[in-house]
Amino acid sequence: MAFKFNFLLSATLLIVVIAFTFCHVSAVNNDRKLLNSFPSNGDWQSIKDVDDPKVVDIAKFAVNVENSQLLVKLEFLSISDGRFKVDNNGITYELSILASEFEEPIELEVVVFKNSKDNVKKVISVDDF
């Protein structure tokens, strides 16, 4: 009886380990496919949809950082243009943003880096023009 129980327990554990291994390999392959869908490392690519919620989130993040660092009250309005490049560490976004301060429109050029490991965003530069 004990032999039967041990055999069933061992077989169940083996099945779980095999299933986990296949799931892990599948996830790694999906990540590789995603990375391969991006352009080559270092090549700037135009952002086709600047109204994509992920891109808008990056732009709003840059405006919020600018507000907190300079104690101004900029309000994000829209993104007029943008491009990105991918490297081994993450994605760098360069966005042309329209914002307002006291209802006066301001055009900003922002560069934001998003780390691919932990999705932490960092504003590299903000310039008005």
Protein backbone atom coordinates (compact mmCIF):
# COMPACT_ATOMS: atom_id res chain seq x y z
CA MET A 1 0.00 0.00 0.00
CA ALA A 2 2.78 2.42 0.94
CA PHE A 3 4.58 1.58 -2.31
CA LYS A 4 1.48 2.50 -4.34
CA PHE A 5 1.13 5.80 -2.48
CA ASN A 6 4.81 6.69 -2.96
CA PHE A 7 4.61 5.81 -6.64
CA LEU A 8 1.53 8.02 -7.14
CA LEU A 9 3.14 10.87 -5.22
CA SER A 10 6.36 10.59 -7.24
CA ALA A 11 4.47 10.42 -10.53
CA THR A 12 2.39 13.47 -9.62
CA LEU A 13 5.48 15.47 -8.66
CA LEU A 14 7.19 14.47 -11.90
CA ILE A 15 4.19 15.63 -13.93
CA VAL A 16 4.14 18.97 -12.08
CA VAL A 17 7.87 19.51 -12.68
CA ILE A 18 7.55 18.69 -16.38
CA ALA A 19 4.53 20.99 -16.77
CA PHE A 20 6.33 23.82 -14.98
CA THR A 21 9.40 23.37 -17.20
CA PHE A 22 7.32 23.53 -20.39
CA CYS A 23 5.46 26.63 -19.18
CA HIS A 24 8.74 28.34 -18.31
CA VAL A 25 10.29 27.53 -21.70
CA SER A 26 7.14 28.77 -23.43
CA ALA A 27 7.25 32.07 -21.50
CA VAL A 28 10.92 32.59 -22.38
CA ASN A 29 10.18 31.96 -26.06
CA ASN A 30 7.30 34.47 -25.96
CA ASP A 31 9.63 37.10 -24.47
CA ARG A 32 12.16 36.46 -27.24
CA LYS A 33 9.44 36.83 -29.88
CA LEU A 34 8.37 40.12 -28.32
CA LEU A 35 11.93 41.45 -28.27
CA ASN A 36 12.48 40.33 -31.86
CA SER A 37 9.37 42.24 -32.94
CA PHE A 38 11.07 45.48 -31.93
CA PRO A 39 13.51 47.12 -34.34
CA SER A 40 17.22 46.45 -34.04
CA ASN A 41 18.98 47.81 -30.99
CA GLY A 42 19.72 51.51 -31.28
CA ASP A 43 17.52 52.28 -34.30
CA TRP A 44 15.03 55.10 -33.78
CA GLN A 45 11.53 54.22 -34.95
CA SER A 46 8.54 56.49 -35.36
CA ILE A 47 5.63 55.92 -32.98
CA LYS A 48 2.70 55.13 -35.23
CA ASP A 49 -0.05 55.82 -32.67
CA VAL A 50 0.89 58.66 -30.31
CA ASP A 51 -2.54 58.30 -28.67
CA ASP A 52 -1.72 54.77 -27.49
CA PRO A 53 -2.42 54.68 -23.73
CA LYS A 54 1.10 53.39 -23.00
CA VAL A 55 2.67 56.33 -24.86
CA VAL A 56 0.30 58.83 -23.23
CA ASP A 57 1.26 57.36 -19.83
CA ILE A 58 4.96 58.03 -20.61
CA ALA A 59 4.16 61.64 -21.62
CA LYS A 60 2.02 62.30 -18.54
CA PHE A 61 4.79 60.85 -16.36
CA ALA A 62 7.28 63.35 -17.85
CA VAL A 63 4.89 66.26 -17.23
CA ASN A 64 4.32 65.15 -13.62
CA VAL A 65 8.08 64.90 -12.99
CA GLU A 66 8.58 68.37 -14.48
CA ASN A 67 5.81 69.72 -12.23
CA SER A 68 7.38 68.23 -9.11
CA GLN A 69 10.94 69.33 -9.90
CA LEU A 70 10.22 72.91 -10.97
CA LEU A 71 7.15 73.55 -8.84
CA VAL A 72 5.12 74.52 -11.89
CA LYS A 73 1.61 73.50 -12.84
CA LEU A 74 1.80 72.11 -16.34
CA GLU A 75 -1.23 70.31 -17.70
CA PHE A 76 -0.73 67.59 -20.29
CA LEU A 77 -2.78 68.19 -23.46
CA SER A 78 -1.52 65.90 -26.23
CA ILE A 79 1.41 64.32 -28.04
CA SER A 80 2.17 65.70 -31.49
CA ASP A 81 4.99 63.36 -32.47
CA GLY A 82 7.22 60.67 -31.06
CA ARG A 83 9.84 58.07 -31.66
CA PHE A 84 11.50 55.31 -29.66
CA LYS A 85 14.53 53.07 -29.67
CA VAL A 86 15.14 49.76 -27.96
CA ASP A 87 18.39 48.64 -26.37
CA ASN A 88 19.32 45.81 -24.03
CA ASN A 89 18.24 47.77 -20.96
CA GLY A 90 14.88 49.11 -22.09
CA ILE A 91 13.13 51.60 -24.34
CA THR A 92 13.96 55.29 -24.79
CA TYR A 93 11.05 57.51 -25.86
CA GLU A 94 11.46 60.95 -27.44
CA LEU A 95 8.12 62.75 -27.47
CA SER A 96 6.91 66.16 -28.61
CA ILE A 97 4.25 67.16 -26.10
CA LEU A 98 1.75 69.99 -26.00
CA ALA A 99 1.05 71.14 -22.46
CA SER A 100 -0.36 74.26 -20.88
CA GLU A 101 0.64 76.48 -17.99
CA PHE A 102 -1.99 78.97 -16.84
CA GLU A 103 -3.86 78.16 -20.08
CA GLU A 104 -0.86 79.19 -22.21
CA PRO A 105 0.20 76.42 -24.62
CA ILE A 106 3.76 75.16 -24.26
CA GLU A 107 5.54 72.73 -26.56
CA LEU A 108 7.92 70.35 -24.82
CA GLU A 109 10.45 67.86 -26.11
CA VAL A 110 10.84 65.07 -23.54
CA VAL A 111 13.09 62.04 -23.41
CA VAL A 112 12.03 59.24 -21.07
CA PHE A 113 13.75 55.90 -20.48
CA LYS A 114 11.70 52.88 -19.39
CA ASN A 115 13.72 50.03 -17.88
CA SER A 116 12.73 46.66 -19.33
CA LYS A 117 13.51 44.70 -16.16
CA ASP A 118 11.29 46.49 -13.66
CA ASN A 119 9.36 48.99 -15.84
CA VAL A 120 10.79 51.94 -13.90
CA LYS A 121 10.58 55.19 -15.87
CA LYS A 122 13.18 57.97 -15.72
CA VAL A 123 12.99 61.40 -17.33
CA ILE A 124 16.25 62.07 -19.15
CA SER A 125 15.46 65.57 -20.40
CA VAL A 126 12.67 68.11 -20.83
CA ASP A 127 13.15 71.06 -23.17
CA ASP A 128 10.65 73.67 -24.23
CA PHE A 129 10.74 75.14 -27.72
